[in-house]
Amino acid sequence: MNCVGVDVSKGKSMIAVMRPLGELVIPPFEVGHTGIELCELSSRLRELGGETRVVMEATGNYHLPVASFLYDSGFYVSVVNAMLVHGYGNNSLRRAKTDKKDAIKLANYGLDHWLALPRYIPEDEVRLMLKTTYRQYQQCAKVQTMLKNNLISLLDTAFPDANRLFTSPARADGSKKWVDFVAAFPHCECVCGLSEKAFAAKYQKWCKKHGYNFSQDKALDIYASACGHFSVMPKTDTAKLLVNQAVSQLQAASAALAVLRNEMQSLAASLPEYPVVMGMFGVGPALGPQLMAEIGDVRRFYSKKALVAFAGIDAPPYQSGQMEVRSRSISKRGSSALRRTLFLVMRVILQRSPADEPVYQFMDRKRTEGKPYRVYMIASANKFLRIYYATVKQHLDSLEA
């Protein structure tokens, strides 16, 4: 009975092997994340007598090379949440922390929880790539939002309210009409400096060049809006340069976001639960792949409650003596990205208000009872996840049968 504690860091790990009753079989030693050193580690662990299990913390992407290699080598690998190990074994007044002590702590934790150690199973290639693509999509979306706000702030001094001139949705390539417009008309004097007729003719040529529909009334509205605002920034070459640079950056981020969105859609379409998920109300081409990316294979959760807890929207019970708290906040001990996606799905359901949809019926009942917005949105997300779990799991089980 050998427990291998692996304290993972970037590019290297500290290894220690313990047996029951505090027997240190192999003192802590360092192993690099290279093929040669990992092969040597595997050979050394095979020489140990008895059953061997490997325990390590989930550390983003750092633990994946070691966990995957040892799993492929046939070892029982367990990747545990760092919060479970953080407070384990702190029975000393001295708060000493080294990689060697952490490796021994992980090994002792594995011995104490030997029978309850969850087994690490690598994700299949498609789900791993979908999740990774979604994480990149999130980062790109944050950059796009920052660049969009920067451009709007810049236009407030050069062409106020230019971002409100058009309400057209974004195209498939990520481009937006108002962004393309300010690239051609970066300053309000570019519009009001012309006559109404001259601007209408120039706007018509611009619409034809970029493939937008032309409307004479819209041209007059734009002209009136430009003439009705006062710009702080003068119309100079520098002002044009600043706006064009901000537009170029935003267009590049939007184009990258569109590429990632299409790739997510392609990856999600190859998963077996895709038609079931896309058939759920409130889930569209953007939110469906996001749900599948964060949840993964629902069969890895033992029940609906486990999936709800994974999202961090559960309210754990709190009772002590005669005190029993019945109303608590959600734990938020889970995937924040999944909670965000669930909120967006609930917002779509709330806006559409489908009378025959069970989630909306539940949401409407909570609203009728006078529950606050936050409460009925979270409760509805809980309901949606339970339906998701039951529907998708049933579909996957039927495919295997």
Protein backbone atom coordinates (compact mmCIF):
# COMPACT_ATOMS: atom_id res chain seq x y z
CA MET A 1 0.00 0.00 0.00
CA ASN A 2 2.03 2.90 -1.34
CA CYS A 3 0.77 6.43 -1.78
CA VAL A 4 2.73 8.72 -4.08
CA GLY A 5 2.35 12.43 -3.36
CA VAL A 6 3.08 14.68 -6.32
CA ASP A 7 3.48 18.40 -5.69
CA VAL A 8 3.17 19.84 -9.18
CA SER A 9 4.69 23.08 -10.40
CA LYS A 10 5.49 24.43 -13.86
CA GLY A 11 7.85 22.07 -15.65
CA LYS A 12 8.74 19.96 -12.61
CA SER A 13 7.24 18.06 -9.67
CA MET A 14 8.31 16.99 -6.20
CA ILE A 15 7.64 13.29 -5.49
CA ALA A 16 7.35 11.52 -2.13
CA VAL A 17 6.14 7.98 -1.35
CA MET A 18 4.54 7.12 1.98
CA ARG A 19 3.12 3.98 3.60
CA PRO A 20 0.76 3.68 6.58
CA LEU A 21 1.96 4.62 10.06
CA GLY A 22 4.16 7.39 8.68
CA GLU A 23 6.70 5.19 6.88
CA LEU A 24 8.62 7.28 4.35
CA VAL A 25 9.45 4.83 1.55
CA ILE A 26 11.07 7.29 -0.86
CA PRO A 27 12.20 10.70 0.40
CA PRO A 28 11.09 13.70 -1.67
CA PHE A 29 12.91 14.07 -4.96
CA GLU A 30 12.43 16.27 -8.01
CA VAL A 31 11.28 15.10 -11.43
CA GLY A 32 11.17 17.21 -14.58
CA HIS A 33 8.22 17.01 -16.95
CA THR A 34 10.24 15.40 -19.72
CA GLY A 35 9.73 12.03 -21.36
CA ILE A 36 12.98 10.57 -20.01
CA GLU A 37 12.48 11.65 -16.38
CA LEU A 38 8.82 10.59 -16.33
CA CYS A 39 9.81 7.16 -17.69
CA GLU A 40 12.39 6.85 -14.92
CA LEU A 41 9.71 7.82 -12.38
CA SER A 42 7.35 5.19 -13.75
CA SER A 43 10.04 2.49 -13.55
CA ARG A 44 10.92 3.46 -9.99
CA LEU A 45 7.28 3.32 -8.89
CA ARG A 46 6.82 -0.11 -10.47
CA GLU A 47 9.58 -1.49 -8.26
CA LEU A 48 7.48 -0.77 -5.16
CA GLY A 49 5.69 -3.76 -3.72
CA GLY A 50 1.93 -3.74 -3.19
CA GLU A 51 -0.76 -1.46 -4.57
CA THR A 52 0.34 2.04 -5.54
CA ARG A 53 -1.82 5.13 -5.93
CA VAL A 54 -0.73 8.59 -7.07
CA VAL A 55 -2.26 11.76 -5.58
CA MET A 56 -1.79 15.30 -6.87
CA GLU A 57 -3.60 18.63 -6.76
CA ALA A 58 -5.50 20.09 -9.69
CA THR A 59 -3.24 22.94 -10.77
CA GLY A 60 -4.65 24.27 -14.02
CA ASN A 61 -2.66 22.73 -16.87
CA TYR A 62 0.54 22.02 -14.92
CA HIS A 63 -0.58 18.63 -13.60
CA LEU A 64 -1.84 17.30 -16.94
CA PRO A 65 1.51 15.95 -18.31
CA VAL A 66 2.23 13.97 -15.14
CA ALA A 67 -1.35 12.77 -14.63
CA SER A 68 -1.77 11.69 -18.25
CA PHE A 69 1.60 9.93 -18.42
CA LEU A 70 1.10 7.97 -15.18
CA TYR A 71 -2.48 7.12 -16.18
CA ASP A 72 -1.27 5.76 -19.52
CA SER A 73 1.40 3.81 -17.62
CA GLY A 74 -1.33 1.96 -15.74
CA PHE A 75 -1.16 3.66 -12.33
CA TYR A 76 -4.16 4.64 -10.25
CA VAL A 77 -4.05 8.45 -10.43
CA SER A 78 -6.22 10.77 -8.37
CA VAL A 79 -6.40 14.53 -9.01
CA VAL A 80 -8.00 16.25 -6.01
CA ASN A 81 -9.25 19.78 -5.50
CA ALA A 82 -6.59 21.97 -3.91
CA MET A 83 -9.10 23.26 -1.33
CA LEU A 84 -9.49 19.74 0.08
CA VAL A 85 -5.76 19.43 0.70
CA HIS A 86 -5.06 23.00 1.77
CA GLY A 87 -6.16 22.63 5.39
CA TYR A 88 -5.20 18.97 5.77
CA GLY A 89 -2.66 18.09 8.43
CA ASN A 90 -2.12 21.64 9.71
CA ASN A 91 -1.43 20.52 13.27
CA SER A 92 1.65 22.67 13.73
CA LEU A 93 1.99 26.22 14.99
CA ARG A 94 4.78 26.85 12.49
CA ARG A 95 3.49 27.59 9.00
CA ALA A 96 6.39 26.08 7.11
CA LYS A 97 5.73 25.43 3.43
CA THR A 98 8.09 23.76 1.00
CA ASP A 99 7.58 21.52 -2.01
CA LYS A 100 8.95 18.58 -0.03
CA LYS A 101 6.47 19.09 2.82
CA ASP A 102 3.62 19.48 0.33
CA ALA A 103 4.53 16.21 -1.41
CA ILE A 104 4.52 14.38 1.93
CA LYS A 105 1.21 16.03 2.85
CA LEU A 106 -0.38 14.82 -0.39
CA ALA A 107 0.90 11.30 0.21
CA ASN A 108 -0.53 11.25 3.75
CA TYR A 109 -3.81 12.67 2.47
CA GLY A 110 -4.02 9.83 -0.03
CA LEU A 111 -3.41 7.24 2.71
CA ASP A 112 -6.13 8.70 4.94
CA HIS A 113 -8.64 8.87 2.04
CA TRP A 114 -7.48 5.72 0.28
CA LEU A 115 -10.91 4.26 -0.42
CA ALA A 116 -12.51 7.60 -1.39
CA LEU A 117 -9.87 8.81 -3.83
CA PRO A 118 -11.56 9.67 -7.15
CA ARG A 119 -9.87 8.13 -10.15
CA TYR A 120 -8.52 10.49 -12.78
CA ILE A 121 -9.83 9.79 -16.28
CA PRO A 122 -8.53 12.02 -19.09
CA GLU A 123 -11.10 13.83 -21.20
CA ASP A 124 -11.56 12.65 -24.76
CA GLU A 125 -9.94 14.73 -27.45
CA VAL A 126 -13.06 16.50 -28.74
CA ARG A 127 -14.30 17.57 -25.31
CA LEU A 128 -10.82 18.72 -24.30
CA MET A 129 -10.47 20.84 -27.44
CA LEU A 130 -13.98 22.23 -27.03
CA LYS A 131 -13.28 23.29 -23.46
CA THR A 132 -9.91 24.80 -24.39
CA THR A 133 -11.46 26.67 -27.31
CA TYR A 134 -14.18 28.03 -25.04
CA ARG A 135 -11.61 29.28 -22.53
CA GLN A 136 -9.83 31.11 -25.37
CA TYR A 137 -13.20 32.43 -26.50
CA GLN A 138 -13.79 33.85 -23.02
CA GLN A 139 -10.44 35.62 -23.01
CA CYS A 140 -11.02 37.02 -26.49
CA ALA A 141 -14.52 38.19 -25.48
CA LYS A 142 -13.02 40.13 -22.56
CA VAL A 143 -10.53 41.80 -24.89
CA GLN A 144 -13.29 42.63 -27.36
CA THR A 145 -15.39 44.24 -24.63
CA MET A 146 -12.41 46.30 -23.47
CA LEU A 147 -11.63 47.45 -27.02
CA LYS A 148 -15.29 48.23 -27.70
CA ASN A 149 -15.53 50.40 -24.58
CA ASN A 150 -12.29 52.12 -25.55
CA LEU A 151 -13.62 52.96 -29.01
CA ILE A 152 -16.92 54.27 -27.63
CA SER A 153 -15.03 56.42 -25.12
CA LEU A 154 -12.89 57.82 -27.93
CA LEU A 155 -15.93 58.51 -30.11
CA ASP A 156 -17.59 60.44 -27.27
CA THR A 157 -15.06 63.18 -27.98
CA ALA A 158 -14.96 62.86 -31.79
CA PHE A 159 -18.36 61.52 -32.90
CA PRO A 160 -20.77 61.31 -29.92
CA ASP A 161 -23.40 58.54 -30.03
CA ALA A 162 -21.95 57.08 -33.23
CA ASN A 163 -22.31 53.60 -31.71
CA ARG A 164 -26.07 54.16 -31.40
CA LEU A 165 -26.66 55.04 -35.03
CA PHE A 166 -27.24 51.44 -36.08
CA THR A 167 -28.95 48.49 -34.43
CA SER A 168 -27.97 45.84 -36.99
CA PRO A 169 -26.69 42.58 -35.42
CA ALA A 170 -23.12 41.48 -35.96
CA ARG A 171 -22.35 39.56 -39.12
CA ALA A 172 -21.04 36.01 -39.22
CA ASP A 173 -17.48 37.33 -39.53
CA GLY A 174 -17.92 39.45 -36.39
CA SER A 175 -18.12 42.83 -38.12
CA LYS A 176 -20.67 45.43 -37.00
CA LYS A 177 -22.17 48.20 -39.07
CA TRP A 178 -21.46 51.03 -36.65
CA VAL A 179 -17.80 50.02 -36.36
CA ASP A 180 -17.39 49.93 -40.14
CA PHE A 181 -19.17 53.28 -40.35
CA VAL A 182 -16.85 55.13 -37.96
CA ALA A 183 -13.87 53.69 -39.83
CA ALA A 184 -15.06 55.70 -42.86
CA PHE A 185 -16.48 58.65 -40.88
CA PRO A 186 -14.24 58.94 -37.76
CA HIS A 187 -15.40 62.47 -36.89
CA CYS A 188 -18.83 64.08 -36.84
CA GLU A 189 -17.52 66.87 -39.09
CA CYS A 190 -16.92 64.21 -41.75
CA VAL A 191 -20.72 64.10 -41.94
CA CYS A 192 -21.95 67.57 -41.05
CA GLY A 193 -19.13 69.16 -43.09
CA LEU A 194 -21.00 67.98 -46.19
CA SER A 195 -24.37 69.00 -47.47
CA GLU A 196 -27.27 66.70 -46.75
CA LYS A 197 -27.48 65.58 -50.36
CA ALA A 198 -23.72 65.05 -50.67
CA PHE A 199 -23.62 62.93 -47.50
CA ALA A 200 -26.57 60.82 -48.64
CA ALA A 201 -24.75 60.07 -51.91
CA LYS A 202 -21.52 59.26 -50.11
CA TYR A 203 -23.34 57.08 -47.56
CA GLN A 204 -25.05 55.20 -50.40
CA LYS A 205 -21.69 54.42 -52.01
CA TRP A 206 -20.37 53.27 -48.63
CA CYS A 207 -23.34 50.92 -48.11
CA LYS A 208 -22.87 49.43 -51.59
CA LYS A 209 -19.14 48.93 -51.02
CA HIS A 210 -19.62 47.12 -47.69
CA GLY A 211 -22.79 45.22 -48.65
CA TYR A 212 -25.21 47.07 -46.36
CA ASN A 213 -28.76 48.07 -47.19
CA PHE A 214 -29.20 51.75 -48.04
CA SER A 215 -32.09 53.83 -46.73
CA GLN A 216 -32.59 57.49 -47.54
CA ASP A 217 -34.39 58.06 -44.24
CA LYS A 218 -31.50 56.46 -42.34
CA ALA A 219 -29.03 58.74 -44.13
CA LEU A 220 -31.04 61.78 -43.06
CA ASP A 221 -31.20 60.52 -39.46
CA ILE A 222 -27.42 60.06 -39.37
CA TYR A 223 -26.88 63.51 -40.81
CA ALA A 224 -29.21 65.09 -38.26
CA SER A 225 -27.54 63.21 -35.39
CA ALA A 226 -24.04 64.29 -36.49
CA CYS A 227 -25.07 67.93 -36.85
CA GLY A 228 -26.79 67.88 -33.48
CA HIS A 229 -23.69 66.91 -31.48
CA PHE A 230 -20.67 68.90 -30.39
CA SER A 231 -17.25 67.24 -30.65
CA VAL A 232 -14.48 68.02 -28.18
CA MET A 233 -11.68 66.53 -30.27
CA PRO A 234 -10.75 68.60 -33.33
CA LYS A 235 -10.86 67.05 -36.77
CA THR A 236 -7.18 66.40 -37.37
CA ASP A 237 -5.06 63.63 -38.82
CA THR A 238 -4.20 62.51 -35.28
CA ALA A 239 -7.88 62.16 -34.37
CA LYS A 240 -8.46 60.08 -37.51
CA LEU A 241 -5.42 57.94 -36.68
CA LEU A 242 -6.62 57.26 -33.11
CA VAL A 243 -10.11 56.26 -34.20
CA ASN A 244 -8.87 54.08 -37.06
CA GLN A 245 -6.41 52.30 -34.79
CA ALA A 246 -9.14 51.62 -32.22
CA VAL A 247 -11.43 50.37 -34.99
CA SER A 248 -8.72 48.09 -36.41
CA GLN A 249 -8.05 46.53 -33.01
CA LEU A 250 -11.76 45.96 -32.38
CA GLN A 251 -12.30 44.47 -35.82
CA ALA A 252 -9.37 42.08 -35.32
CA ALA A 253 -10.73 40.93 -31.94
CA SER A 254 -14.24 40.51 -33.37
CA ALA A 255 -12.93 38.47 -36.30
CA ALA A 256 -10.94 36.21 -33.94
CA LEU A 257 -14.02 35.79 -31.76
CA ALA A 258 -16.09 34.75 -34.80
CA VAL A 259 -13.48 32.16 -35.79
CA LEU A 260 -13.45 30.68 -32.28
CA ARG A 261 -17.26 30.66 -32.18
CA ASN A 262 -17.43 28.74 -35.46
CA GLU A 263 -14.80 26.27 -34.23
CA MET A 264 -16.76 25.70 -31.02
CA GLN A 265 -19.88 25.06 -33.07
CA SER A 266 -18.03 22.55 -35.25
CA LEU A 267 -16.55 20.69 -32.26
CA ALA A 268 -19.86 20.63 -30.37
CA ALA A 269 -21.71 19.28 -33.42
CA SER A 270 -19.53 16.15 -33.33
CA LEU A 271 -20.62 15.27 -29.77
CA PRO A 272 -23.49 12.76 -29.32
CA GLU A 273 -25.58 15.02 -27.06
CA TYR A 274 -25.50 17.96 -29.49
CA PRO A 275 -29.04 17.54 -30.95
CA VAL A 276 -30.55 17.14 -27.48
CA VAL A 277 -28.82 20.19 -26.04
CA MET A 278 -29.63 22.36 -29.04
CA GLY A 279 -33.27 21.31 -28.75
CA MET A 280 -33.57 22.81 -25.25
CA PHE A 281 -35.29 26.19 -25.09
CA GLY A 282 -32.96 29.13 -24.49
CA VAL A 283 -29.95 27.34 -25.94
CA GLY A 284 -28.67 28.61 -29.27
CA PRO A 285 -25.59 28.27 -31.48
CA ALA A 286 -23.52 30.33 -29.04
CA LEU A 287 -24.73 29.11 -25.64
CA GLY A 288 -25.12 25.42 -26.56
CA PRO A 289 -21.40 24.78 -27.19
CA GLN A 290 -20.57 26.77 -24.06
CA LEU A 291 -22.77 24.51 -21.93
CA MET A 292 -21.28 21.34 -23.42
CA ALA A 293 -17.76 22.71 -23.01
CA GLU A 294 -18.11 23.43 -19.29
CA ILE A 295 -20.28 20.47 -18.28
CA GLY A 296 -18.52 17.86 -20.37
CA ASP A 297 -19.84 14.32 -20.20
CA VAL A 298 -22.75 14.37 -17.71
CA ARG A 299 -22.13 10.71 -16.88
CA ARG A 300 -19.14 11.76 -14.81
CA PHE A 301 -21.59 13.21 -12.26
CA TYR A 302 -23.26 10.63 -10.02
CA SER A 303 -26.50 12.62 -9.69
CA LYS A 304 -28.28 15.85 -10.60
CA LYS A 305 -27.20 17.35 -7.29
CA ALA A 306 -23.55 16.77 -8.17
CA LEU A 307 -23.96 18.73 -11.40
CA VAL A 308 -25.69 21.57 -9.54
CA ALA A 309 -22.87 21.60 -6.99
CA PHE A 310 -20.32 21.64 -9.81
CA ALA A 311 -21.94 24.83 -11.09
CA GLY A 312 -21.74 26.34 -7.59
CA ILE A 313 -25.44 27.28 -7.46
CA ASP A 314 -26.31 24.96 -4.58
CA ALA A 315 -27.02 26.22 -1.05
CA PRO A 316 -25.40 23.78 1.42
CA PRO A 317 -27.36 23.17 4.65
CA TYR A 318 -26.25 24.87 7.85
CA GLN A 319 -27.46 23.49 11.17
CA SER A 320 -26.05 23.54 14.69
CA GLY A 321 -27.99 22.53 17.79
CA GLN A 322 -31.39 24.18 17.70
CA MET A 323 -30.35 26.60 14.97
CA GLU A 324 -31.23 25.61 11.42
CA VAL A 325 -30.74 28.16 8.65
CA ARG A 326 -33.23 27.60 5.82
CA SER A 327 -32.17 30.44 3.53
CA ARG A 328 -28.54 30.61 2.46
CA SER A 329 -26.55 32.07 -0.40
CA ILE A 330 -25.22 29.85 -3.15
CA SER A 331 -21.83 28.28 -2.55
CA LYS A 332 -20.09 29.59 -5.71
CA ARG A 333 -17.69 26.66 -5.25
CA GLY A 334 -17.74 25.64 -8.87
CA SER A 335 -17.32 26.75 -12.45
CA SER A 336 -17.87 30.50 -12.74
CA ALA A 337 -17.95 30.14 -16.54
CA LEU A 338 -20.84 27.68 -16.27
CA ARG A 339 -22.74 30.02 -13.93
CA ARG A 340 -22.33 32.85 -16.44
CA THR A 341 -23.63 30.68 -19.29
CA LEU A 342 -26.59 29.55 -17.19
CA PHE A 343 -27.46 33.17 -16.40
CA LEU A 344 -27.46 34.00 -20.11
CA VAL A 345 -29.74 31.04 -20.84
CA MET A 346 -32.11 32.11 -18.06
CA ARG A 347 -32.17 35.65 -19.43
CA VAL A 348 -33.16 34.34 -22.87
CA ILE A 349 -35.95 32.28 -21.33
CA LEU A 350 -37.14 35.28 -19.32
CA GLN A 351 -37.18 37.53 -22.38
CA ARG A 352 -39.00 35.02 -24.60
CA SER A 353 -41.43 33.94 -21.84
CA PRO A 354 -42.56 30.61 -23.38
CA ALA A 355 -45.75 29.62 -21.57
CA ASP A 356 -45.30 25.87 -22.20
CA GLU A 357 -41.66 25.72 -21.06
CA PRO A 358 -41.19 24.01 -17.63
CA VAL A 359 -38.24 26.23 -16.66
CA TYR A 360 -40.20 29.39 -17.42
CA GLN A 361 -43.27 28.05 -15.59
CA PHE A 362 -41.08 27.47 -12.54
CA MET A 363 -39.52 30.93 -12.95
CA ASP A 364 -42.91 32.61 -13.29
CA ARG A 365 -44.21 30.86 -10.19
CA LYS A 366 -41.24 32.13 -8.15
CA ARG A 367 -41.83 35.64 -9.50
CA THR A 368 -45.50 35.44 -8.54
CA GLU A 369 -44.48 34.47 -5.01
CA GLY A 370 -42.55 37.74 -4.80
CA LYS A 371 -39.06 36.27 -4.89
CA PRO A 372 -36.24 38.70 -5.79
CA TYR A 373 -34.70 38.63 -9.27
CA ARG A 374 -31.51 36.95 -8.09
CA VAL A 375 -33.41 34.22 -6.25
CA TYR A 376 -35.72 33.13 -9.05
CA MET A 377 -32.95 33.30 -11.65
CA ILE A 378 -30.71 31.01 -9.59
CA ALA A 379 -33.59 28.67 -8.76
CA SER A 380 -34.49 28.47 -12.45
CA ALA A 381 -30.87 27.73 -13.37
CA ASN A 382 -30.96 24.90 -10.82
CA LYS A 383 -34.12 23.56 -12.46
CA PHE A 384 -32.59 23.86 -15.92
CA LEU A 385 -29.46 21.92 -14.90
CA ARG A 386 -31.55 19.08 -13.47
CA ILE A 387 -33.52 18.82 -16.71
CA TYR A 388 -30.26 18.99 -18.68
CA TYR A 389 -28.76 16.16 -16.65
CA ALA A 390 -31.78 13.88 -16.97
CA THR A 391 -32.34 14.53 -20.68
CA VAL A 392 -28.74 14.27 -21.83
CA LYS A 393 -27.92 11.26 -19.65
CA GLN A 394 -30.95 9.39 -20.93
CA HIS A 395 -29.95 10.16 -24.51
CA LEU A 396 -26.35 9.00 -23.99
CA ASP A 397 -27.46 5.82 -22.23
CA SER A 398 -29.87 5.02 -25.06
CA LEU A 399 -27.07 5.38 -27.59
CA GLU A 400 -24.93 2.90 -25.67
CA ALA A 401 -27.76 0.40 -25.23
